[in-house]
Amino acid sequence: SDNENVATVSSDGTVTAVHTGTANITV
């Protein structure tokens, strides 16, 4: 994730919303 303050991603591709805003998840 390029912005883990907004969204994180686990090793299986699960995205978790942390805070309002935008982020890019890349595999």
mmCIF file of all heavy atoms, coordinates in Angstrom:
data_MODEL
# 
_entry.id   MODEL 
# 
loop_
_atom_site.group_PDB 
_atom_site.id 
_atom_site.type_symbol 
_atom_site.label_atom_id 
_atom_site.label_alt_id 
_atom_site.label_comp_id 
_atom_site.label_asym_id 
_atom_site.label_entity_id 
_atom_site.label_seq_id 
_atom_site.pdbx_PDB_ins_code 
_atom_site.Cartn_x 
_atom_site.Cartn_y 
_atom_site.Cartn_z 
_atom_site.occupancy 
_atom_site.B_iso_or_equiv 
_atom_site.pdbx_formal_charge 
_atom_site.auth_seq_id 
_atom_site.auth_comp_id 
_atom_site.auth_asym_id 
_atom_site.auth_atom_id 
_atom_site.pdbx_PDB_model_num 
ATOM 1   N N   . SER A 1 1  ? 0.858   -1.188  0.000  1.00 0.00 ? 1  SER A N   1 
ATOM 2   C CA  . SER A 1 1  ? 0.000   0.000   0.000  1.00 0.00 ? 1  SER A CA  1 
ATOM 3   C C   . SER A 1 1  ? 0.889   1.231   0.000  1.00 0.00 ? 1  SER A C   1 
ATOM 4   O O   . SER A 1 1  ? 1.883   1.287   0.734  1.00 0.00 ? 1  SER A O   1 
ATOM 5   C CB  . SER A 1 1  ? -0.905  0.021   1.227  1.00 0.00 ? 1  SER A CB  1 
ATOM 6   O OG  . SER A 1 1  ? -1.546  1.277   1.358  1.00 0.00 ? 1  SER A OG  1 
ATOM 7   N N   . ASP A 1 2  ? 0.530   2.236   -0.823 1.00 0.00 ? 2  ASP A N   1 
ATOM 8   C CA  . ASP A 1 2  ? 1.342   3.452   -0.849 1.00 0.00 ? 2  ASP A CA  1 
ATOM 9   C C   . ASP A 1 2  ? 0.912   4.458   0.222  1.00 0.00 ? 2  ASP A C   1 
ATOM 10  O O   . ASP A 1 2  ? 1.503   5.519   0.350  1.00 0.00 ? 2  ASP A O   1 
ATOM 11  C CB  . ASP A 1 2  ? 1.300   4.106   -2.232 1.00 0.00 ? 2  ASP A CB  1 
ATOM 12  C CG  . ASP A 1 2  ? -0.047  4.710   -2.580 1.00 0.00 ? 2  ASP A CG  1 
ATOM 13  O OD1 . ASP A 1 2  ? -1.021  4.464   -1.848 1.00 0.00 ? 2  ASP A OD1 1 
ATOM 14  O OD2 . ASP A 1 2  ? -0.123  5.430   -3.600 1.00 0.00 ? 2  ASP A OD2 1 
ATOM 15  N N   . ASN A 1 3  ? -0.121  4.104   1.004  1.00 0.00 ? 3  ASN A N   1 
ATOM 16  C CA  . ASN A 1 3  ? -0.565  4.987   2.087  1.00 0.00 ? 3  ASN A CA  1 
ATOM 17  C C   . ASN A 1 3  ? -1.223  4.139   3.169  1.00 0.00 ? 3  ASN A C   1 
ATOM 18  O O   . ASN A 1 3  ? -2.436  3.971   3.207  1.00 0.00 ? 3  ASN A O   1 
ATOM 19  C CB  . ASN A 1 3  ? -1.541  6.043   1.557  1.00 0.00 ? 3  ASN A CB  1 
ATOM 20  C CG  . ASN A 1 3  ? -1.821  7.137   2.582  1.00 0.00 ? 3  ASN A CG  1 
ATOM 21  O OD1 . ASN A 1 3  ? -1.501  7.008   3.766  1.00 0.00 ? 3  ASN A OD1 1 
ATOM 22  N ND2 . ASN A 1 3  ? -2.454  8.214   2.127  1.00 0.00 ? 3  ASN A ND2 1 
ATOM 23  N N   . GLU A 1 4  ? -0.418  3.598   4.060  1.00 0.00 ? 4  GLU A N   1 
ATOM 24  C CA  . GLU A 1 4  ? -0.940  2.697   5.087  1.00 0.00 ? 4  GLU A CA  1 
ATOM 25  C C   . GLU A 1 4  ? -1.718  3.434   6.156  1.00 0.00 ? 4  GLU A C   1 
ATOM 26  O O   . GLU A 1 4  ? -2.387  2.801   6.983  1.00 0.00 ? 4  GLU A O   1 
ATOM 27  C CB  . GLU A 1 4  ? 0.205   1.902   5.705  1.00 0.00 ? 4  GLU A CB  1 
ATOM 28  C CG  . GLU A 1 4  ? 0.838   0.916   4.717  1.00 0.00 ? 4  GLU A CG  1 
ATOM 29  C CD  . GLU A 1 4  ? 1.787   -0.050  5.393  1.00 0.00 ? 4  GLU A CD  1 
ATOM 30  O OE1 . GLU A 1 4  ? 2.252   0.270   6.519  1.00 0.00 ? 4  GLU A OE1 1 
ATOM 31  O OE2 . GLU A 1 4  ? 2.037   -1.121  4.817  1.00 0.00 ? 4  GLU A OE2 1 
ATOM 32  N N   . ASN A 1 5  ? -1.640  4.767   6.206  1.00 0.00 ? 5  ASN A N   1 
ATOM 33  C CA  . ASN A 1 5  ? -2.476  5.529   7.124  1.00 0.00 ? 5  ASN A CA  1 
ATOM 34  C C   . ASN A 1 5  ? -3.937  5.494   6.683  1.00 0.00 ? 5  ASN A C   1 
ATOM 35  O O   . ASN A 1 5  ? -4.841  5.738   7.488  1.00 0.00 ? 5  ASN A O   1 
ATOM 36  C CB  . ASN A 1 5  ? -2.003  6.987   7.200  1.00 0.00 ? 5  ASN A CB  1 
ATOM 37  C CG  . ASN A 1 5  ? -0.656  7.107   7.875  1.00 0.00 ? 5  ASN A CG  1 
ATOM 38  O OD1 . ASN A 1 5  ? -0.356  6.372   8.815  1.00 0.00 ? 5  ASN A OD1 1 
ATOM 39  N ND2 . ASN A 1 5  ? 0.155   8.036   7.400  1.00 0.00 ? 5  ASN A ND2 1 
ATOM 40  N N   . VAL A 1 6  ? -4.158  5.206   5.393  1.00 0.00 ? 6  VAL A N   1 
ATOM 41  C CA  . VAL A 1 6  ? -5.507  5.133   4.841  1.00 0.00 ? 6  VAL A CA  1 
ATOM 42  C C   . VAL A 1 6  ? -5.971  3.689   4.699  1.00 0.00 ? 6  VAL A C   1 
ATOM 43  O O   . VAL A 1 6  ? -7.083  3.339   5.092  1.00 0.00 ? 6  VAL A O   1 
ATOM 44  C CB  . VAL A 1 6  ? -5.580  5.853   3.473  1.00 0.00 ? 6  VAL A CB  1 
ATOM 45  C CG1 . VAL A 1 6  ? -6.934  5.610   2.802  1.00 0.00 ? 6  VAL A CG1 1 
ATOM 46  C CG2 . VAL A 1 6  ? -5.339  7.340   3.666  1.00 0.00 ? 6  VAL A CG2 1 
ATOM 47  N N   . ALA A 1 7  ? -5.114  2.833   4.102  1.00 0.00 ? 7  ALA A N   1 
ATOM 48  C CA  . ALA A 1 7  ? -5.494  1.434   3.889  1.00 0.00 ? 7  ALA A CA  1 
ATOM 49  C C   . ALA A 1 7  ? -4.261  0.550   3.951  1.00 0.00 ? 7  ALA A C   1 
ATOM 50  O O   . ALA A 1 7  ? -3.199  0.901   3.425  1.00 0.00 ? 7  ALA A O   1 
ATOM 51  C CB  . ALA A 1 7  ? -6.188  1.265   2.545  1.00 0.00 ? 7  ALA A CB  1 
ATOM 52  N N   . THR A 1 8  ? -4.413  -0.604  4.579  1.00 0.00 ? 8  THR A N   1 
ATOM 53  C CA  . THR A 1 8  ? -3.338  -1.592  4.635  1.00 0.00 ? 8  THR A CA  1 
ATOM 54  C C   . THR A 1 8  ? -3.752  -2.809  3.823  1.00 0.00 ? 8  THR A C   1 
ATOM 55  O O   . THR A 1 8  ? -4.938  -2.996  3.513  1.00 0.00 ? 8  THR A O   1 
ATOM 56  C CB  . THR A 1 8  ? -3.044  -2.020  6.081  1.00 0.00 ? 8  THR A CB  1 
ATOM 57  O OG1 . THR A 1 8  ? -4.230  -2.606  6.639  1.00 0.00 ? 8  THR A OG1 1 
ATOM 58  C CG2 . THR A 1 8  ? -2.617  -0.817  6.922  1.00 0.00 ? 8  THR A CG2 1 
ATOM 59  N N   . VAL A 1 9  ? -2.783  -3.653  3.484  1.00 0.00 ? 9  VAL A N   1 
ATOM 60  C CA  . VAL A 1 9  ? -3.088  -4.871  2.754  1.00 0.00 ? 9  VAL A CA  1 
ATOM 61  C C   . VAL A 1 9  ? -2.247  -6.003  3.328  1.00 0.00 ? 9  VAL A C   1 
ATOM 62  O O   . VAL A 1 9  ? -1.059  -5.830  3.637  1.00 0.00 ? 9  VAL A O   1 
ATOM 63  C CB  . VAL A 1 9  ? -2.821  -4.706  1.246  1.00 0.00 ? 9  VAL A CB  1 
ATOM 64  C CG1 . VAL A 1 9  ? -1.364  -4.388  0.948  1.00 0.00 ? 9  VAL A CG1 1 
ATOM 65  C CG2 . VAL A 1 9  ? -3.292  -5.930  0.462  1.00 0.00 ? 9  VAL A CG2 1 
ATOM 66  N N   . SER A 1 10 ? -2.873  -7.160  3.506  1.00 0.00 ? 10 SER A N   1 
ATOM 67  C CA  . SER A 1 10 ? -2.178  -8.321  4.059  1.00 0.00 ? 10 SER A CA  1 
ATOM 68  C C   . SER A 1 10 ? -1.571  -9.158  2.949  1.00 0.00 ? 10 SER A C   1 
ATOM 69  O O   . SER A 1 10 ? -1.766  -8.892  1.763  1.00 0.00 ? 10 SER A O   1 
ATOM 70  C CB  . SER A 1 10 ? -3.159  -9.166  4.884  1.00 0.00 ? 10 SER A CB  1 
ATOM 71  O OG  . SER A 1 10 ? -4.144  -9.722  4.034  1.00 0.00 ? 10 SER A OG  1 
ATOM 72  N N   . SER A 1 11 ? -0.864  -10.203 3.325  1.00 0.00 ? 11 SER A N   1 
ATOM 73  C CA  . SER A 1 11 ? -0.162  -11.048 2.353  1.00 0.00 ? 11 SER A CA  1 
ATOM 74  C C   . SER A 1 11 ? -1.111  -11.862 1.481  1.00 0.00 ? 11 SER A C   1 
ATOM 75  O O   . SER A 1 11 ? -0.689  -12.409 0.466  1.00 0.00 ? 11 SER A O   1 
ATOM 76  C CB  . SER A 1 11 ? 0.802   -11.990 3.080  1.00 0.00 ? 11 SER A CB  1 
ATOM 77  O OG  . SER A 1 11 ? 0.088   -12.819 3.995  1.00 0.00 ? 11 SER A OG  1 
ATOM 78  N N   . ASP A 1 12 ? -2.387  -11.943 1.875  1.00 0.00 ? 12 ASP A N   1 
ATOM 79  C CA  . ASP A 1 12 ? -3.346  -12.669 1.048  1.00 0.00 ? 12 ASP A CA  1 
ATOM 80  C C   . ASP A 1 12 ? -4.234  -11.726 0.235  1.00 0.00 ? 12 ASP A C   1 
ATOM 81  O O   . ASP A 1 12 ? -5.215  -12.152 -0.373 1.00 0.00 ? 12 ASP A O   1 
ATOM 82  C CB  . ASP A 1 12 ? -4.213  -13.597 1.898  1.00 0.00 ? 12 ASP A CB  1 
ATOM 83  C CG  . ASP A 1 12 ? -5.137  -12.842 2.850  1.00 0.00 ? 12 ASP A CG  1 
ATOM 84  O OD1 . ASP A 1 12 ? -4.987  -11.607 2.979  1.00 0.00 ? 12 ASP A OD1 1 
ATOM 85  O OD2 . ASP A 1 12 ? -6.004  -13.493 3.472  1.00 0.00 ? 12 ASP A OD2 1 
ATOM 86  N N   . GLY A 1 13 ? -3.920  -10.410 0.236  1.00 0.00 ? 13 GLY A N   1 
ATOM 87  C CA  . GLY A 1 13 ? -4.666  -9.443  -0.562 1.00 0.00 ? 13 GLY A CA  1 
ATOM 88  C C   . GLY A 1 13 ? -5.853  -8.824  0.147  1.00 0.00 ? 13 GLY A C   1 
ATOM 89  O O   . GLY A 1 13 ? -6.657  -8.138  -0.492 1.00 0.00 ? 13 GLY A O   1 
ATOM 90  N N   . THR A 1 14 ? -5.970  -9.009  1.462  1.00 0.00 ? 14 THR A N   1 
ATOM 91  C CA  . THR A 1 14 ? -7.073  -8.408  2.203  1.00 0.00 ? 14 THR A CA  1 
ATOM 92  C C   . THR A 1 14 ? -6.759  -6.950  2.508  1.00 0.00 ? 14 THR A C   1 
ATOM 93  O O   . THR A 1 14 ? -5.764  -6.637  3.168  1.00 0.00 ? 14 THR A O   1 
ATOM 94  C CB  . THR A 1 14 ? -7.337  -9.160  3.512  1.00 0.00 ? 14 THR A CB  1 
ATOM 95  O OG1 . THR A 1 14 ? -7.664  -10.523 3.213  1.00 0.00 ? 14 THR A OG1 1 
ATOM 96  C CG2 . THR A 1 14 ? -8.480  -8.514  4.280  1.00 0.00 ? 14 THR A CG2 1 
ATOM 97  N N   . VAL A 1 15 ? -7.633  -6.059  2.019  1.00 0.00 ? 15 VAL A N   1 
ATOM 98  C CA  . VAL A 1 15 ? -7.457  -4.622  2.220  1.00 0.00 ? 15 VAL A CA  1 
ATOM 99  C C   . VAL A 1 15 ? -8.305  -4.179  3.406  1.00 0.00 ? 15 VAL A C   1 
ATOM 100 O O   . VAL A 1 15 ? -9.504  -4.503  3.480  1.00 0.00 ? 15 VAL A O   1 
ATOM 101 C CB  . VAL A 1 15 ? -7.877  -3.834  0.958  1.00 0.00 ? 15 VAL A CB  1 
ATOM 102 C CG1 . VAL A 1 15 ? -7.703  -2.328  1.183  1.00 0.00 ? 15 VAL A CG1 1 
ATOM 103 C CG2 . VAL A 1 15 ? -7.083  -4.305  -0.244 1.00 0.00 ? 15 VAL A CG2 1 
ATOM 104 N N   . THR A 1 16 ? -7.707  -3.427  4.320  1.00 0.00 ? 16 THR A N   1 
ATOM 105 C CA  . THR A 1 16 ? -8.409  -2.930  5.498  1.00 0.00 ? 16 THR A CA  1 
ATOM 106 C C   . THR A 1 16 ? -8.386  -1.409  5.504  1.00 0.00 ? 16 THR A C   1 
ATOM 107 O O   . THR A 1 16 ? -7.318  -0.801  5.383  1.00 0.00 ? 16 THR A O   1 
ATOM 108 C CB  . THR A 1 16 ? -7.780  -3.459  6.794  1.00 0.00 ? 16 THR A CB  1 
ATOM 109 O OG1 . THR A 1 16 ? -7.812  -4.890  6.779  1.00 0.00 ? 16 THR A OG1 1 
ATOM 110 C CG2 . THR A 1 16 ? -8.516  -2.942  8.018  1.00 0.00 ? 16 THR A CG2 1 
ATOM 111 N N   . ALA A 1 17 ? -9.570  -0.802  5.616  1.00 0.00 ? 17 ALA A N   1 
ATOM 112 C CA  . ALA A 1 17 ? -9.692  0.655   5.633  1.00 0.00 ? 17 ALA A CA  1 
ATOM 113 C C   . ALA A 1 17 ? -9.328  1.187   7.017  1.00 0.00 ? 17 ALA A C   1 
ATOM 114 O O   . ALA A 1 17 ? -9.940  0.807   8.018  1.00 0.00 ? 17 ALA A O   1 
ATOM 115 C CB  . ALA A 1 17 ? -11.106 1.059   5.260  1.00 0.00 ? 17 ALA A CB  1 
ATOM 116 N N   . VAL A 1 18 ? -8.346  2.080   7.095  1.00 0.00 ? 18 VAL A N   1 
ATOM 117 C CA  . VAL A 1 18 ? -7.841  2.597   8.366  1.00 0.00 ? 18 VAL A CA  1 
ATOM 118 C C   . VAL A 1 18 ? -8.377  3.995   8.655  1.00 0.00 ? 18 VAL A C   1 
ATOM 119 O O   . VAL A 1 18 ? -8.814  4.304   9.764  1.00 0.00 ? 18 VAL A O   1 
ATOM 120 C CB  . VAL A 1 18 ? -6.305  2.617   8.367  1.00 0.00 ? 18 VAL A CB  1 
ATOM 121 C CG1 . VAL A 1 18 ? -5.767  3.207   9.667  1.00 0.00 ? 18 VAL A CG1 1 
ATOM 122 C CG2 . VAL A 1 18 ? -5.753  1.215   8.147  1.00 0.00 ? 18 VAL A CG2 1 
ATOM 123 N N   . HIS A 1 19 ? -8.361  4.859   7.629  1.00 0.00 ? 19 HIS A N   1 
ATOM 124 C CA  . HIS A 1 19 ? -8.747  6.252   7.828  1.00 0.00 ? 19 HIS A CA  1 
ATOM 125 C C   . HIS A 1 19 ? -9.247  6.799   6.507  1.00 0.00 ? 19 HIS A C   1 
ATOM 126 O O   . HIS A 1 19 ? -8.889  6.295   5.435  1.00 0.00 ? 19 HIS A O   1 
ATOM 127 C CB  . HIS A 1 19 ? -7.544  7.069   8.336  1.00 0.00 ? 19 HIS A CB  1 
ATOM 128 C CG  . HIS A 1 19 ? -7.916  8.372   8.948  1.00 0.00 ? 19 HIS A CG  1 
ATOM 129 N ND1 . HIS A 1 19 ? -8.151  9.505   8.211  1.00 0.00 ? 19 HIS A ND1 1 
ATOM 130 C CD2 . HIS A 1 19 ? -8.111  8.732   10.258 1.00 0.00 ? 19 HIS A CD2 1 
ATOM 131 C CE1 . HIS A 1 19 ? -8.474  10.512  9.017  1.00 0.00 ? 19 HIS A CE1 1 
ATOM 132 N NE2 . HIS A 1 19 ? -8.450  10.056  10.279 1.00 0.00 ? 19 HIS A NE2 1 
ATOM 133 N N   . THR A 1 20 ? -10.085 7.817   6.568  1.00 0.00 ? 20 THR A N   1 
ATOM 134 C CA  . THR A 1 20 ? -10.615 8.400   5.334  1.00 0.00 ? 20 THR A CA  1 
ATOM 135 C C   . THR A 1 20 ? -9.491  8.947   4.463  1.00 0.00 ? 20 THR A C   1 
ATOM 136 O O   . THR A 1 20 ? -8.502  9.495   4.962  1.00 0.00 ? 20 THR A O   1 
ATOM 137 C CB  . THR A 1 20 ? -11.608 9.521   5.650  1.00 0.00 ? 20 THR A CB  1 
ATOM 138 O OG1 . THR A 1 20 ? -10.970 10.502  6.476  1.00 0.00 ? 20 THR A OG1 1 
ATOM 139 C CG2 . THR A 1 20 ? -12.846 8.985   6.328  1.00 0.00 ? 20 THR A CG2 1 
ATOM 140 N N   . GLY A 1 21 ? -9.647  8.776   3.162  1.00 0.00 ? 21 GLY A N   1 
ATOM 141 C CA  . GLY A 1 21 ? -8.634  9.233   2.207  1.00 0.00 ? 21 GLY A CA  1 
ATOM 142 C C   . GLY A 1 21 ? -8.516  8.244   1.057  1.00 0.00 ? 21 GLY A C   1 
ATOM 143 O O   . GLY A 1 21 ? -9.419  7.430   0.812  1.00 0.00 ? 21 GLY A O   1 
ATOM 144 N N   . THR A 1 22 ? -7.405  8.326   0.348  1.00 0.00 ? 22 THR A N   1 
ATOM 145 C CA  . THR A 1 22 ? -7.182  7.432   -0.795 1.00 0.00 ? 22 THR A CA  1 
ATOM 146 C C   . THR A 1 22 ? -5.820  6.757   -0.691 1.00 0.00 ? 22 THR A C   1 
ATOM 147 O O   . THR A 1 22 ? -4.877  7.303   -0.113 1.00 0.00 ? 22 THR A O   1 
ATOM 148 C CB  . THR A 1 22 ? -7.254  8.204   -2.123 1.00 0.00 ? 22 THR A CB  1 
ATOM 149 O OG1 . THR A 1 22 ? -6.252  9.236   -2.125 1.00 0.00 ? 22 THR A OG1 1 
ATOM 150 C CG2 . THR A 1 22 ? -8.621  8.820   -2.338 1.00 0.00 ? 22 THR A CG2 1 
ATOM 151 N N   . ALA A 1 23 ? -5.745  5.576   -1.282 1.00 0.00 ? 23 ALA A N   1 
ATOM 152 C CA  . ALA A 1 23 ? -4.485  4.817   -1.320 1.00 0.00 ? 23 ALA A CA  1 
ATOM 153 C C   . ALA A 1 23 ? -4.505  3.912   -2.540 1.00 0.00 ? 23 ALA A C   1 
ATOM 154 O O   . ALA A 1 23 ? -5.573  3.564   -3.055 1.00 0.00 ? 23 ALA A O   1 
ATOM 155 C CB  . ALA A 1 23 ? -4.317  3.989   -0.048 1.00 0.00 ? 23 ALA A CB  1 
ATOM 156 N N   . ASN A 1 24 ? -3.343  3.535   -2.989 1.00 0.00 ? 24 ASN A N   1 
ATOM 157 C CA  . ASN A 1 24 ? -3.204  2.580   -4.085 1.00 0.00 ? 24 ASN A CA  1 
ATOM 158 C C   . ASN A 1 24 ? -2.629  1.281   -3.551 1.00 0.00 ? 24 ASN A C   1 
ATOM 159 O O   . ASN A 1 24 ? -1.567  1.280   -2.912 1.00 0.00 ? 24 ASN A O   1 
ATOM 160 C CB  . ASN A 1 24 ? -2.293  3.132   -5.181 1.00 0.00 ? 24 ASN A CB  1 
ATOM 161 C CG  . ASN A 1 24 ? -2.966  4.207   -5.999 1.00 0.00 ? 24 ASN A CG  1 
ATOM 162 O OD1 . ASN A 1 24 ? -4.080  4.021   -6.478 1.00 0.00 ? 24 ASN A OD1 1 
ATOM 163 N ND2 . ASN A 1 24 ? -2.307  5.346   -6.159 1.00 0.00 ? 24 ASN A ND2 1 
ATOM 164 N N   . ILE A 1 25 ? -3.329  0.196   -3.812 1.00 0.00 ? 25 ILE A N   1 
ATOM 165 C CA  . ILE A 1 25 ? -2.849  -1.133  -3.435 1.00 0.00 ? 25 ILE A CA  1 
ATOM 166 C C   . ILE A 1 25 ? -2.228  -1.768  -4.684 1.00 0.00 ? 25 ILE A C   1 
ATOM 167 O O   . ILE A 1 25 ? -2.868  -1.836  -5.737 1.00 0.00 ? 25 ILE A O   1 
ATOM 168 C CB  . ILE A 1 25 ? -3.991  -2.021  -2.918 1.00 0.00 ? 25 ILE A CB  1 
ATOM 169 C CG1 . ILE A 1 25 ? -4.680  -1.355  -1.729 1.00 0.00 ? 25 ILE A CG1 1 
ATOM 170 C CG2 . ILE A 1 25 ? -3.462  -3.402  -2.553 1.00 0.00 ? 25 ILE A CG2 1 
ATOM 171 C CD1 . ILE A 1 25 ? -3.767  -1.098  -0.538 1.00 0.00 ? 25 ILE A CD1 1 
ATOM 172 N N   . THR A 1 26 ? -0.995  -2.245  -4.557 1.00 0.00 ? 26 THR A N   1 
ATOM 173 C CA  . THR A 1 26 ? -0.284  -2.821  -5.700 1.00 0.00 ? 26 THR A CA  1 
ATOM 174 C C   . THR A 1 26 ? 0.149   -4.246  -5.376 1.00 0.00 ? 26 THR A C   1 
ATOM 175 O O   . THR A 1 26 ? 0.634   -4.520  -4.280 1.00 0.00 ? 26 THR A O   1 
ATOM 176 C CB  . THR A 1 26 ? 0.956   -1.982  -6.055 1.00 0.00 ? 26 THR A CB  1 
ATOM 177 O OG1 . THR A 1 26 ? 0.541   -0.653  -6.381 1.00 0.00 ? 26 THR A OG1 1 
ATOM 178 C CG2 . THR A 1 26 ? 1.698   -2.576  -7.246 1.00 0.00 ? 26 THR A CG2 1 
ATOM 179 N N   . VAL A 1 27 ? -0.042  -5.129  -6.353 1.00 0.00 ? 27 VAL A N   1 
ATOM 180 C CA  . VAL A 1 27 ? 0.458   -6.495  -6.237 1.00 0.00 ? 27 VAL A CA  1 
ATOM 181 C C   . VAL A 1 27 ? 1.550   -6.669  -7.281 1.00 0.00 ? 27 VAL A C   1 
ATOM 182 O O   . VAL A 1 27 ? 1.397   -6.259  -8.429 1.00 0.00 ? 27 VAL A O   1 
ATOM 183 C CB  . VAL A 1 27 ? -0.667  -7.535  -6.422 1.00 0.00 ? 27 VAL A CB  1 
ATOM 184 C CG1 . VAL A 1 27 ? -1.327  -7.425  -7.778 1.00 0.00 ? 27 VAL A CG1 1 
ATOM 185 C CG2 . VAL A 1 27 ? -0.147  -8.946  -6.166 1.00 0.00 ? 27 VAL A CG2 1 
# 
